[in-house]
Amino acid sequence: MPRILVADPLAEDGLERLRRAGEVTVVSKLPEAELIRQIPDFDALVVRSETRVTEPVLEAGRKLRVVGRAGVGVDNIDVPAATRKGILVVNAPRGNIVAAAEHTVALLFAVARWVAQADASVKRGEWTRSKFIGTEIRGKTLGVIGLGNVGSEVAKRAHGLEMEVIAYDPVVSVERAELFNVQLVALKELLERADFITVHVPLVDANRNLIGSSELALMKPTARLVNTARGGIVNEADLFQALSSGRIAAAAIDVFENEPPGENPLLTLSNLVTTPHIGASTVEAQVSVAFDVAEEVAAVLAGDLPRFAVNAPALPPEELAFVRPFADLTERLAALHGQLFGGRVSSIELDFEGEVAEHDINLLVASAIKGFLQPFTEDRINAVNARLIAANRGITLVERRTRAKGSYASLVTVRLQAHDIAGTVLMGEPRAVRIDSFRVDLVPDGRFLVSRHEDRPGVVGRVGTILGEHDVNIASMQVGRDAPRGSAMMILAVDDRVSQDVLERLREVVGMSDLRYVELGGTSDG
C-alpha cells in the first residue's frame, strides 16, 4: 500500500480520502532536516503553504511519486527540481473559486452601502445616518476584467442581483461569454460604461499596473472598483490619487502589492474598504481544497493522470530529445502569432509535417497553447493541463499530421484567425520560415519590429532614420514582398526597447499599413 506523508494541517475530508488511497502519516512543522530524514519511506507528500519542499527534500524522496499542494500557489515547492526527478506536482486550483467570488460580491455591497465605514462610526458612539447614503446595485452595470474561473462565477451572481454584466478578456471566446450572458467589450469601453468594476486577472507582466491613472481617468466619478485578484494589477499610487481627489467614488481591495501593506497611504482613506487577503478563507474552501488535492494525489498513486498537474510527466529520453526543440519552436511561433495578430480566438490549428508528425505531439500542442495563453493566465500550462485550460476558455484545437510536402524534413504551422506562421528546427535552433504568404528566416528570440507596408521607395529608409534619431540600433533586417510595387513585409531585429512614442512615429510613415513591436524569449518547460 502506498505511504502518504501529510506535513501540514489538512481538513478531515481530505485525510479521509487519502486514507482510502494509502497509509497516511500526519506530522506538523517538521524542520527541513527532519523532513529529509523521514521522506525516503513515502510515495506521496501533501503540504499547504507552511512546509517548504526544497530540492534536498525531493532528492531524499527516493520513492516519491507526487507532491500535493492543498491550494493554488506552489511557491513553496521547487517545481523544476520535482520535474527533473520525475515527481508530479499537483494542486487544487478550483476549491476556492466560490469563496473568492462570494467575497467579491461582499465587497461590492460594502462599497455600495459604506458598510465598513458605518460600522466603525456606530462603534465610535456616532449616529450619523446622513453620512452613509449609498447606491443600489440593482440595474447597474458590472464590468468584469477577466472572465476566468472566478470572474465567471461573479458574473453569474451579478445576474441574480439584476445587474447588467460586461467583461473584458482578450482570450475568452464570444461563445463562452454567451454561456454566462455576458457581453465582451474592449477595456476602454468597460471602464467608461461600468458603475462597478471588479478585477479577476492573474499578475503576469502583461497585467502589472493594468489599471493606472489613464484607466482610472476613463471611469465614471460615481464608479466603484473592487480587486480581489492580486496586488500590483491596480497601481496603488494612482488609485490613491483617484480616491483622494474624488475622481472615482470608492474602492475595495483584498490584496496589496506588499502584504501586509504597512504604512500604505491607501489605508488613510475613508472611501476605501480593505480586507487582509481573505478571498479564499472560508471553512468550505479549506475543506474543498483538502479534498481536491487528496483526489489528485490518489489519482497519481492509482496510475491515472491528475486533472491539475503543475508539471508534466517526462517522456522517454530519446523521444524528449527530438520533440523538445520543436516544443520550443511551437511555443515561440504561437507567442509571435499572439503579438503580431492578437485578437480573440475560438480555435488553434496546428499542422505537423514530416518527421515531427511521426512523434508524440502532445508536448507541442501544449507548447502552442502556452505560447498563446500564458500572458493571460497564472495557471502553469504544461502537457498535462494545456488542453483543459484551452477547453475552459472555449478554444477548439485542430491538429493535423501529414507527410513532408516541401523542402523541410519537419515543419510546424500555427494558424489562428486565418493567419499562418510556419517554422522548423535547423541545427537545433528554432526558425520561423513563413508568415502568411511571406517567406522569412527568423530566429524567434529577442526584439523585433514587424511592418506591413507598400513596396515603394522611401519607406524602409524613413523607418531607419526614425530609429536612428531615437538611438534604437538595428541588428538585422529582412524585407519580402508579394510583387514589385505591391505589399511588403519587413522584419527588423533591434537591440533596444522601442517606446510607444517611437512606434507612433513609425506608424505615421507614408505607405505604412501595419507595424507591431514584438518581444520573444524563453523556452518551453513542457
Protein backbone atom coordinates (compact mmCIF):
# COMPACT_ATOMS: atom_id res chain seq x y z
CA MET A 1 0.00 0.00 0.00
CA PRO A 2 1.37 3.48 -0.88
CA ARG A 3 2.54 5.63 2.03
CA ILE A 4 1.44 9.28 2.20
CA LEU A 5 3.02 11.94 4.42
CA VAL A 6 0.83 14.92 5.32
CA ALA A 7 3.19 17.62 6.57
CA ASP A 8 0.73 20.48 7.21
CA PRO A 9 -2.76 20.69 8.77
CA LEU A 10 -5.39 19.31 6.41
CA ALA A 11 -9.18 19.17 6.72
CA GLU A 12 -10.55 15.79 7.79
CA ASP A 13 -12.37 15.27 4.47
CA GLY A 14 -9.02 15.35 2.70
CA LEU A 15 -7.41 12.99 5.20
CA GLU A 16 -10.26 10.52 4.87
CA ARG A 17 -9.90 10.48 1.09
CA LEU A 18 -6.14 9.93 1.39
CA ARG A 19 -6.69 7.02 3.80
CA ARG A 20 -8.64 5.25 1.06
CA ALA A 21 -5.62 5.64 -1.23
CA GLY A 22 -2.85 4.60 1.12
CA GLU A 23 -1.32 4.58 4.59
CA VAL A 24 -1.39 8.16 5.92
CA THR A 25 1.06 9.67 8.40
CA VAL A 26 0.29 13.17 9.72
CA VAL A 27 3.06 15.37 11.08
CA SER A 28 3.33 19.10 11.69
CA LYS A 29 6.04 21.77 11.40
CA LEU A 30 8.90 19.43 10.63
CA PRO A 31 12.28 21.15 10.23
CA GLU A 32 13.80 20.54 6.81
CA ALA A 33 16.41 18.16 8.22
CA GLU A 34 13.73 16.00 9.85
CA LEU A 35 11.58 16.04 6.69
CA ILE A 36 14.62 14.89 4.71
CA ARG A 37 15.14 12.09 7.23
CA GLN A 38 11.53 10.85 7.02
CA ILE A 39 10.64 11.36 3.33
CA PRO A 40 12.56 8.37 1.84
CA ASP A 41 9.84 5.97 3.04
CA PHE A 42 6.91 7.80 1.39
CA ASP A 43 5.31 7.68 -2.04
CA ALA A 44 3.42 10.97 -1.70
CA LEU A 45 3.80 14.23 0.20
CA VAL A 46 0.92 16.64 0.91
CA VAL A 47 1.55 20.20 2.13
CA ARG A 48 -0.15 23.56 2.44
CA SER A 49 1.91 26.76 2.49
CA GLU A 50 3.93 26.21 5.69
CA THR A 51 6.21 23.36 4.65
CA ARG A 52 8.87 24.12 2.04
CA VAL A 53 9.51 21.29 -0.37
CA THR A 54 13.08 22.02 -1.39
CA GLU A 55 15.40 20.26 -3.80
CA PRO A 56 17.16 18.39 -0.94
CA VAL A 57 13.76 17.11 0.24
CA LEU A 58 12.91 15.93 -3.27
CA GLU A 59 16.34 14.35 -3.71
CA ALA A 60 15.83 12.42 -0.48
CA GLY A 61 12.38 11.23 -1.60
CA ARG A 62 13.63 8.14 -3.41
CA LYS A 63 10.11 6.65 -3.62
CA LEU A 64 8.29 9.96 -4.04
CA ARG A 65 5.87 10.00 -6.97
CA VAL A 66 3.73 13.04 -6.24
CA VAL A 67 3.70 16.22 -4.15
CA GLY A 68 0.25 17.69 -3.49
CA ARG A 69 -0.38 21.32 -2.53
CA ALA A 70 -3.72 21.97 -0.80
CA GLY A 71 -4.32 25.31 -2.50
CA VAL A 72 -3.36 27.15 -5.67
CA GLY A 73 0.14 28.59 -5.25
CA VAL A 74 3.19 26.34 -5.38
CA ASP A 75 5.83 28.90 -4.40
CA ASN A 76 6.91 26.69 -1.52
CA ILE A 77 7.64 23.75 -3.84
CA ASP A 78 10.73 23.52 -6.05
CA VAL A 79 8.78 22.55 -9.16
CA PRO A 80 11.77 22.43 -11.57
CA ALA A 81 13.57 20.07 -9.19
CA ALA A 82 10.45 17.91 -8.95
CA THR A 83 10.19 17.81 -12.74
CA ARG A 84 13.81 16.79 -13.09
CA LYS A 85 13.16 13.97 -10.61
CA GLY A 86 10.05 12.84 -12.47
CA ILE A 87 7.85 13.78 -9.49
CA LEU A 88 4.41 15.13 -10.32
CA VAL A 89 3.32 18.28 -8.51
CA VAL A 90 -0.46 18.72 -8.21
CA ASN A 91 -2.58 21.44 -6.65
CA ALA A 92 -6.22 22.35 -6.03
CA PRO A 93 -6.96 25.45 -8.12
CA ARG A 94 -10.77 25.19 -8.13
CA GLY A 95 -11.54 24.65 -4.47
CA ASN A 96 -11.63 28.34 -3.55
CA ILE A 97 -13.39 29.74 -6.64
CA VAL A 98 -16.78 30.17 -4.97
CA ALA A 99 -15.21 31.66 -1.85
CA ALA A 100 -13.35 34.27 -3.94
CA ALA A 101 -16.47 35.08 -5.97
CA GLU A 102 -18.61 35.49 -2.87
CA HIS A 103 -16.01 37.73 -1.23
CA THR A 104 -16.05 39.88 -4.36
CA VAL A 105 -19.82 40.25 -4.08
CA ALA A 106 -19.46 41.07 -0.38
CA LEU A 107 -17.06 43.87 -1.23
CA LEU A 108 -19.41 45.13 -3.96
CA PHE A 109 -22.10 45.58 -1.33
CA ALA A 110 -19.60 47.04 1.13
CA VAL A 111 -18.59 49.86 -1.23
CA ALA A 112 -22.16 50.41 -2.42
CA ARG A 113 -23.51 50.89 1.12
CA TRP A 114 -20.45 52.06 3.11
CA VAL A 115 -20.79 49.03 5.39
CA ALA A 116 -17.35 49.16 6.99
CA GLN A 117 -17.40 52.92 7.48
CA ALA A 118 -20.87 52.88 9.03
CA ASP A 119 -19.89 50.04 11.35
CA ALA A 120 -16.83 51.94 12.57
CA SER A 121 -18.92 55.09 13.07
CA VAL A 122 -21.52 53.37 15.25
CA LYS A 123 -18.79 51.74 17.34
CA ARG A 124 -17.36 55.22 17.96
CA GLY A 125 -20.70 56.17 19.50
CA GLU A 126 -21.94 58.15 16.48
CA TRP A 127 -25.33 58.01 14.79
CA THR A 128 -24.79 60.00 11.57
CA ARG A 129 -27.08 58.30 9.09
CA SER A 130 -26.83 61.09 6.52
CA LYS A 131 -23.09 60.46 6.05
CA PHE A 132 -23.69 56.98 4.65
CA ILE A 133 -26.08 57.44 1.75
CA GLY A 134 -25.32 54.51 -0.54
CA THR A 135 -26.25 53.39 -4.02
CA GLU A 136 -28.28 50.39 -5.18
CA ILE A 137 -26.65 47.59 -7.12
CA ARG A 138 -29.81 46.60 -8.98
CA GLY A 139 -29.91 47.96 -12.50
CA LYS A 140 -26.26 48.97 -12.50
CA THR A 141 -23.56 47.78 -14.93
CA LEU A 142 -20.84 45.50 -13.62
CA GLY A 143 -17.59 45.38 -15.58
CA VAL A 144 -15.65 42.14 -15.05
CA ILE A 145 -11.99 42.30 -16.04
CA GLY A 146 -11.00 38.66 -16.60
CA LEU A 147 -13.75 36.12 -17.32
CA GLY A 148 -11.91 33.09 -15.96
CA ASN A 149 -12.95 30.80 -13.13
CA VAL A 150 -13.67 33.46 -10.52
CA GLY A 151 -14.78 36.17 -12.94
CA SER A 152 -17.43 33.93 -14.50
CA GLU A 153 -18.76 32.98 -11.05
CA VAL A 154 -19.02 36.67 -10.15
CA ALA A 155 -20.90 37.29 -13.41
CA LYS A 156 -23.45 34.58 -12.57
CA ARG A 157 -24.10 36.08 -9.16
CA ALA A 158 -24.36 39.59 -10.58
CA HIS A 159 -27.18 38.49 -12.86
CA GLY A 160 -29.03 37.29 -9.76
CA LEU A 161 -28.65 40.81 -8.38
CA GLU A 162 -30.28 42.18 -11.56
CA MET A 163 -27.09 43.79 -12.83
CA GLU A 164 -26.05 44.15 -16.46
CA VAL A 165 -22.69 42.40 -16.92
CA ILE A 166 -19.99 43.31 -19.43
CA ALA A 167 -16.50 41.83 -19.49
CA TYR A 168 -13.02 42.33 -20.90
CA ASP A 169 -10.95 39.21 -21.57
CA PRO A 170 -8.75 39.09 -24.68
CA VAL A 171 -8.58 35.29 -24.86
CA VAL A 172 -12.12 34.19 -23.96
CA SER A 173 -14.29 33.30 -26.94
CA VAL A 174 -17.59 35.03 -27.62
CA GLU A 175 -19.33 31.66 -27.36
CA ARG A 176 -18.03 31.08 -23.83
CA ALA A 177 -19.03 34.59 -22.76
CA GLU A 178 -22.53 33.96 -24.07
CA LEU A 179 -22.82 30.96 -21.74
CA PHE A 180 -22.71 33.45 -18.86
CA ASN A 181 -24.92 36.01 -20.64
CA VAL A 182 -22.00 38.42 -20.71
CA GLN A 183 -21.14 40.95 -23.43
CA LEU A 184 -17.44 41.08 -24.30
CA VAL A 185 -16.14 44.62 -24.81
CA ALA A 186 -12.81 46.43 -25.09
CA LEU A 187 -11.18 47.53 -21.85
CA LYS A 188 -11.73 51.22 -22.66
CA GLU A 189 -15.46 50.67 -23.21
CA LEU A 190 -15.75 48.67 -19.98
CA LEU A 191 -14.09 51.40 -17.95
CA GLU A 192 -16.34 54.06 -19.46
CA ARG A 193 -19.63 52.16 -19.09
CA ALA A 194 -19.37 50.28 -15.80
CA ASP A 195 -20.77 51.51 -12.49
CA PHE A 196 -18.88 48.77 -10.62
CA ILE A 197 -15.63 47.22 -11.85
CA THR A 198 -14.09 44.02 -10.48
CA VAL A 199 -10.68 42.60 -11.36
CA HIS A 200 -10.04 38.87 -11.88
CA VAL A 201 -6.85 38.52 -13.93
CA PRO A 202 -3.53 36.95 -12.92
CA LEU A 203 -0.50 39.03 -12.00
CA VAL A 204 1.65 38.43 -15.07
CA ASP A 205 3.83 41.05 -16.76
CA ALA A 206 1.10 41.96 -19.24
CA ASN A 207 -1.30 42.78 -16.38
CA ARG A 208 1.02 44.62 -13.99
CA ASN A 209 -0.42 48.12 -13.46
CA LEU A 210 -3.26 47.19 -15.82
CA ILE A 211 -5.37 49.80 -14.01
CA GLY A 212 -3.40 53.02 -13.67
CA SER A 213 -4.03 56.74 -13.90
CA SER A 214 -5.17 56.73 -17.54
CA GLU A 215 -7.61 53.87 -16.93
CA LEU A 216 -8.96 55.42 -13.72
CA ALA A 217 -9.48 58.67 -15.64
CA LEU A 218 -11.87 56.85 -18.00
CA MET A 219 -14.15 55.70 -15.17
CA LYS A 220 -17.31 57.47 -14.05
CA PRO A 221 -16.95 59.73 -11.00
CA THR A 222 -19.56 57.50 -9.34
CA ALA A 223 -17.73 54.27 -10.21
CA ARG A 224 -16.56 51.79 -7.59
CA LEU A 225 -13.58 49.45 -8.10
CA VAL A 226 -13.03 46.04 -6.46
CA ASN A 227 -9.80 44.00 -6.60
CA THR A 228 -9.72 40.51 -5.09
CA ALA A 229 -7.19 39.16 -7.63
CA ARG A 230 -3.59 40.18 -6.93
CA GLY A 231 -1.78 43.26 -5.71
CA GLY A 232 0.09 45.06 -8.47
CA ILE A 233 -2.69 44.81 -11.06
CA VAL A 234 -4.12 48.12 -9.84
CA ASN A 235 -1.45 50.80 -9.42
CA GLU A 236 -1.76 51.74 -5.74
CA ALA A 237 -0.30 55.26 -6.06
CA ASP A 238 -2.68 56.08 -8.91
CA LEU A 239 -5.62 54.58 -7.01
CA PHE A 240 -4.76 56.76 -4.00
CA GLN A 241 -4.84 59.88 -6.18
CA ALA A 242 -8.13 58.88 -7.81
CA LEU A 243 -9.82 58.17 -4.47
CA SER A 244 -8.43 61.14 -2.57
CA SER A 245 -9.34 63.57 -5.37
CA GLY A 246 -12.84 62.17 -5.80
CA ARG A 247 -12.05 61.03 -9.35
CA ILE A 248 -13.87 57.77 -8.51
CA ALA A 249 -16.31 57.23 -5.67
CA ALA A 250 -14.84 54.27 -3.79
CA ALA A 251 -12.78 51.10 -3.95
CA ALA A 252 -12.44 47.81 -2.09
CA ILE A 253 -9.27 45.73 -2.16
CA ASP A 254 -8.43 42.37 -0.63
CA VAL A 255 -4.89 42.33 -1.99
CA PHE A 256 -1.86 44.62 -1.87
CA GLU A 257 1.40 44.76 -3.77
CA ASN A 258 3.22 44.24 -0.46
CA GLU A 259 1.47 42.15 2.17
CA PRO A 260 0.98 43.17 4.88
CA PRO A 261 0.76 46.70 3.42
CA GLY A 262 2.47 48.54 6.30
CA GLU A 263 2.30 52.36 6.14
CA ASN A 264 0.35 52.43 2.88
CA PRO A 265 -1.32 55.81 2.14
CA LEU A 266 -4.42 53.97 0.89
CA LEU A 267 -5.19 52.95 4.46
CA THR A 268 -5.80 56.59 5.40
CA LEU A 269 -8.76 56.96 3.01
CA SER A 270 -12.36 56.87 4.18
CA ASN A 271 -13.71 55.76 0.78
CA LEU A 272 -11.65 52.56 0.71
CA VAL A 273 -12.66 49.18 2.16
CA THR A 274 -9.85 46.70 2.77
CA THR A 275 -9.58 43.07 3.88
CA PRO A 276 -6.37 41.07 4.57
CA HIS A 277 -6.29 38.76 1.51
CA ILE A 278 -9.13 36.58 2.77
CA GLY A 279 -10.91 35.93 -0.52
CA ALA A 280 -10.35 32.17 -0.20
CA SER A 281 -10.66 31.99 3.57
CA THR A 282 -13.85 30.06 4.25
CA VAL A 283 -14.40 26.80 6.08
CA GLU A 284 -15.89 25.31 2.93
CA ALA A 285 -12.98 26.39 0.74
CA GLN A 286 -10.46 24.85 3.12
CA VAL A 287 -12.41 21.58 3.06
CA SER A 288 -12.72 21.75 -0.71
CA VAL A 289 -9.01 22.27 -1.44
CA ALA A 290 -8.13 19.49 1.02
CA PHE A 291 -10.45 17.03 -0.69
CA ASP A 292 -9.44 18.16 -4.19
CA VAL A 293 -5.73 17.72 -3.59
CA ALA A 294 -6.40 14.33 -1.99
CA GLU A 295 -8.25 13.29 -5.15
CA GLU A 296 -5.28 14.42 -7.26
CA VAL A 297 -2.77 12.52 -5.14
CA ALA A 298 -4.96 9.41 -5.14
CA ALA A 299 -5.21 9.55 -8.94
CA VAL A 300 -1.44 9.63 -9.35
CA LEU A 301 -0.93 6.78 -6.88
CA ALA A 302 -3.52 4.74 -8.81
CA GLY A 303 -1.60 5.27 -12.05
CA ASP A 304 -4.06 7.76 -13.54
CA LEU A 305 -3.41 11.26 -14.88
CA PRO A 306 -4.45 14.05 -12.50
CA ARG A 307 -6.62 16.96 -13.63
CA PHE A 308 -4.48 19.69 -12.10
CA ALA A 309 -0.82 18.84 -12.60
CA VAL A 310 1.56 21.75 -12.24
CA ASN A 311 4.31 19.98 -14.16
CA ALA A 312 4.24 17.24 -16.78
CA PRO A 313 5.26 13.61 -16.75
CA ALA A 314 8.58 13.02 -18.51
CA LEU A 315 8.77 11.47 -21.97
CA PRO A 316 11.29 8.72 -22.68
CA PRO A 317 14.73 10.34 -23.10
CA GLU A 318 15.07 9.61 -26.80
CA GLU A 319 11.58 10.96 -27.57
CA LEU A 320 12.14 14.06 -25.44
CA ALA A 321 15.46 14.76 -27.18
CA PHE A 322 13.67 15.00 -30.53
CA VAL A 323 10.48 16.84 -29.57
CA ARG A 324 11.81 19.41 -27.08
CA PRO A 325 13.36 21.71 -29.73
CA PHE A 326 10.08 21.54 -31.63
CA ALA A 327 8.15 22.33 -28.44
CA ASP A 328 10.35 25.40 -28.01
CA LEU A 329 9.70 26.31 -31.66
CA THR A 330 5.93 25.84 -31.38
CA GLU A 331 5.67 27.94 -28.22
CA ARG A 332 7.61 30.78 -29.83
CA LEU A 333 5.58 30.63 -33.05
CA ALA A 334 2.37 30.87 -31.01
CA ALA A 335 3.75 33.74 -28.92
CA LEU A 336 4.85 35.53 -32.10
CA HIS A 337 1.39 34.98 -33.57
CA GLY A 338 -0.28 36.44 -30.49
CA GLN A 339 1.87 39.56 -30.60
CA LEU A 340 1.64 40.06 -34.36
CA PHE A 341 -2.04 39.45 -34.86
CA GLY A 342 -3.62 39.43 -31.36
CA GLY A 343 -7.37 39.27 -31.06
CA ARG A 344 -9.81 36.77 -29.61
CA VAL A 345 -9.69 33.22 -30.94
CA SER A 346 -12.07 30.30 -30.85
CA SER A 347 -9.69 27.73 -32.34
CA ILE A 348 -5.99 27.00 -32.67
CA GLU A 349 -4.96 24.96 -35.73
CA LEU A 350 -1.66 23.11 -35.77
CA ASP A 351 -0.18 21.35 -38.81
CA PHE A 352 2.71 18.93 -38.30
CA GLU A 353 4.52 17.86 -41.46
CA GLY A 354 7.28 15.32 -41.99
CA GLU A 355 9.32 13.64 -39.27
CA VAL A 356 7.79 15.64 -36.43
CA ALA A 357 4.36 14.24 -37.32
CA GLU A 358 5.62 10.73 -36.51
CA HIS A 359 6.34 11.61 -32.87
CA ASP A 360 4.28 12.33 -29.75
CA ILE A 361 2.91 15.84 -30.39
CA ASN A 362 1.17 16.36 -27.04
CA LEU A 363 4.06 18.45 -25.75
CA LEU A 364 3.98 20.53 -28.94
CA VAL A 365 0.23 21.15 -28.66
CA ALA A 366 0.69 22.16 -25.03
CA SER A 367 3.51 24.49 -26.04
CA ALA A 368 1.33 26.22 -28.63
CA ILE A 369 -1.40 26.73 -26.05
CA LYS A 370 1.16 28.03 -23.58
CA GLY A 371 2.71 30.42 -26.09
CA PHE A 372 -0.63 31.97 -26.87
CA LEU A 373 -2.40 31.87 -23.49
CA GLN A 374 0.35 32.16 -20.87
CA PRO A 375 0.36 36.00 -20.86
CA PHE A 376 -3.30 35.89 -19.87
CA THR A 377 -3.32 33.27 -17.11
CA GLU A 378 -1.36 32.46 -13.98
CA ASP A 379 -2.05 28.75 -14.45
CA ARG A 380 1.20 26.93 -15.22
CA ILE A 381 0.43 25.45 -18.64
CA ASN A 382 2.03 22.10 -19.49
CA ALA A 383 1.37 18.86 -21.34
CA VAL A 384 -0.98 17.63 -18.63
CA ASN A 385 -3.29 20.62 -18.25
CA ALA A 386 -2.97 22.58 -21.51
CA ARG A 387 -5.95 21.02 -23.28
CA LEU A 388 -8.14 21.52 -20.21
CA ILE A 389 -7.14 25.19 -19.94
CA ALA A 390 -7.90 25.73 -23.63
CA ALA A 391 -11.26 23.96 -23.31
CA ASN A 392 -12.18 26.06 -20.27
CA ARG A 393 -11.62 29.17 -22.40
CA GLY A 394 -13.79 27.86 -25.20
CA ILE A 395 -10.88 27.22 -27.57
CA THR A 396 -11.08 24.32 -30.02
CA LEU A 397 -7.86 22.55 -31.02
CA VAL A 398 -7.38 21.24 -34.57
CA GLU A 399 -4.31 19.03 -35.15
CA ARG A 400 -3.20 17.65 -38.49
CA ARG A 401 -0.34 15.28 -39.34
CA THR A 402 0.92 14.96 -42.91
CA ARG A 403 3.95 13.76 -44.80
CA ALA A 404 6.62 16.28 -45.73
CA LYS A 405 5.42 18.39 -48.66
CA GLY A 406 8.23 20.88 -49.13
CA SER A 407 11.96 21.26 -48.63
CA TYR A 408 11.92 20.82 -44.83
CA ALA A 409 12.20 17.44 -43.12
CA SER A 410 9.84 18.76 -40.42
CA LEU A 411 7.53 21.76 -40.46
CA VAL A 412 5.15 23.14 -37.83
CA THR A 413 2.42 25.63 -38.79
CA VAL A 414 0.40 27.60 -36.24
CA ARG A 415 -2.85 29.02 -37.63
CA LEU A 416 -5.22 31.38 -35.80
CA GLN A 417 -7.76 33.76 -37.28
CA ALA A 418 -6.75 32.88 -40.86
CA HIS A 419 -3.12 33.90 -40.24
CA ASP A 420 -0.30 31.34 -40.56
CA ILE A 421 3.18 31.23 -39.09
CA ALA A 422 5.34 28.23 -40.01
CA GLY A 423 8.68 27.14 -38.64
CA THR A 424 11.20 24.37 -38.32
CA VAL A 425 14.29 23.41 -36.33
CA LEU A 426 17.63 23.85 -38.09
CA MET A 427 20.85 22.75 -36.36
CA GLY A 428 18.91 22.56 -33.09
CA GLU A 429 17.72 26.17 -33.42
CA PRO A 430 14.05 27.26 -33.86
CA ARG A 431 13.40 29.20 -37.07
CA ALA A 432 10.27 30.88 -38.38
CA VAL A 433 10.26 30.36 -42.15
CA ARG A 434 6.91 31.81 -43.24
CA ILE A 435 4.47 34.48 -42.02
CA ASP A 436 1.29 34.24 -44.09
CA SER A 437 2.48 34.40 -47.72
CA PHE A 438 5.86 35.98 -46.91
CA ARG A 439 8.95 33.77 -46.69
CA VAL A 440 11.21 34.71 -43.78
CA ASP A 441 14.26 33.36 -41.98
CA LEU A 442 13.82 34.42 -38.38
CA VAL A 443 15.19 33.08 -35.10
CA PRO A 444 12.21 33.93 -32.86
CA ASP A 445 14.17 35.36 -29.96
CA GLY A 446 14.70 38.98 -28.96
CA ARG A 447 13.11 42.27 -30.01
CA PHE A 448 11.59 42.87 -33.43
CA LEU A 449 9.67 45.43 -35.42
CA VAL A 450 7.42 43.77 -37.98
CA SER A 451 5.82 46.02 -40.59
CA ARG A 452 3.46 45.59 -43.49
CA HIS A 453 3.76 48.42 -45.96
CA GLU A 454 3.54 49.43 -49.59
CA ASP A 455 6.54 48.35 -51.65
CA ARG A 456 7.58 51.87 -52.62
CA PRO A 457 10.78 53.91 -52.34
CA GLY A 458 11.44 55.68 -49.07
CA VAL A 459 9.52 53.56 -46.59
CA VAL A 460 12.47 51.45 -45.41
CA GLY A 461 14.78 54.47 -45.31
CA ARG A 462 12.33 56.56 -43.31
CA VAL A 463 11.94 53.77 -40.73
CA GLY A 464 15.70 53.52 -40.34
CA THR A 465 16.01 57.30 -39.96
CA ILE A 466 13.39 57.46 -37.20
CA LEU A 467 15.03 54.61 -35.28
CA GLY A 468 18.43 56.26 -35.64
CA GLU A 469 17.08 59.56 -34.34
CA HIS A 470 15.92 57.76 -31.19
CA ASP A 471 19.14 55.74 -30.70
CA VAL A 472 17.49 52.39 -31.47
CA ASN A 473 20.13 50.11 -33.02
CA ILE A 474 19.11 47.77 -35.86
CA ALA A 475 20.73 44.34 -35.58
CA SER A 476 19.39 42.84 -38.81
CA MET A 477 16.77 43.43 -41.48
CA GLN A 478 14.66 41.25 -43.77
CA VAL A 479 12.30 42.54 -46.44
CA GLY A 480 9.93 40.43 -48.51
CA ARG A 481 7.22 41.36 -50.99
CA ASP A 482 4.43 39.65 -52.87
CA ALA A 483 5.05 41.62 -56.10
CA PRO A 484 7.01 44.69 -57.26
CA ARG A 485 5.22 47.82 -56.01
CA GLY A 486 2.80 45.55 -54.17
CA SER A 487 2.66 44.68 -50.46
CA ALA A 488 5.85 44.15 -48.44
CA MET A 489 6.80 42.82 -45.03
CA MET A 490 9.87 44.00 -43.14
CA ILE A 491 11.34 42.41 -40.02
CA LEU A 492 13.87 44.47 -38.10
CA ALA A 493 15.75 42.90 -35.18
CA VAL A 494 16.60 45.70 -32.76
CA ASP A 495 18.91 45.81 -29.75
CA ASP A 496 16.84 48.26 -27.73
CA ARG A 497 13.27 48.55 -26.49
CA VAL A 498 11.11 50.73 -28.72
CA SER A 499 8.96 53.27 -26.89
CA GLN A 500 5.32 53.94 -27.65
CA ASP A 501 6.18 57.41 -28.97
CA VAL A 502 8.63 55.96 -31.48
CA LEU A 503 6.09 53.33 -32.56
CA GLU A 504 3.53 56.07 -33.19
CA ARG A 505 6.01 57.96 -35.40
CA LEU A 506 6.80 54.80 -37.35
CA ARG A 507 3.12 54.09 -37.91
CA GLU A 508 2.73 57.55 -39.45
CA VAL A 509 5.29 56.83 -42.20
CA VAL A 510 3.66 57.24 -45.60
CA GLY A 511 2.88 53.80 -47.04
CA MET A 512 2.85 52.03 -43.64
CA SER A 513 -0.25 49.85 -43.21
CA ASP A 514 0.63 47.99 -40.00
CA LEU A 515 3.55 47.90 -37.56
CA ARG A 516 3.98 45.70 -34.50
CA TYR A 517 6.64 45.57 -31.78
CA VAL A 518 7.44 42.02 -30.63
CA GLU A 519 9.49 40.69 -27.71
CA LEU A 520 10.22 36.97 -27.62
CA GLY A 521 12.35 34.83 -25.33
CA GLY A 522 12.40 31.84 -23.00
CA THR A 523 11.88 28.18 -23.73
CA SER A 524 9.08 25.72 -23.24
CA ASP A 525 9.17 23.93 -19.93
CA GLY A 526 6.64 21.35 -21.05
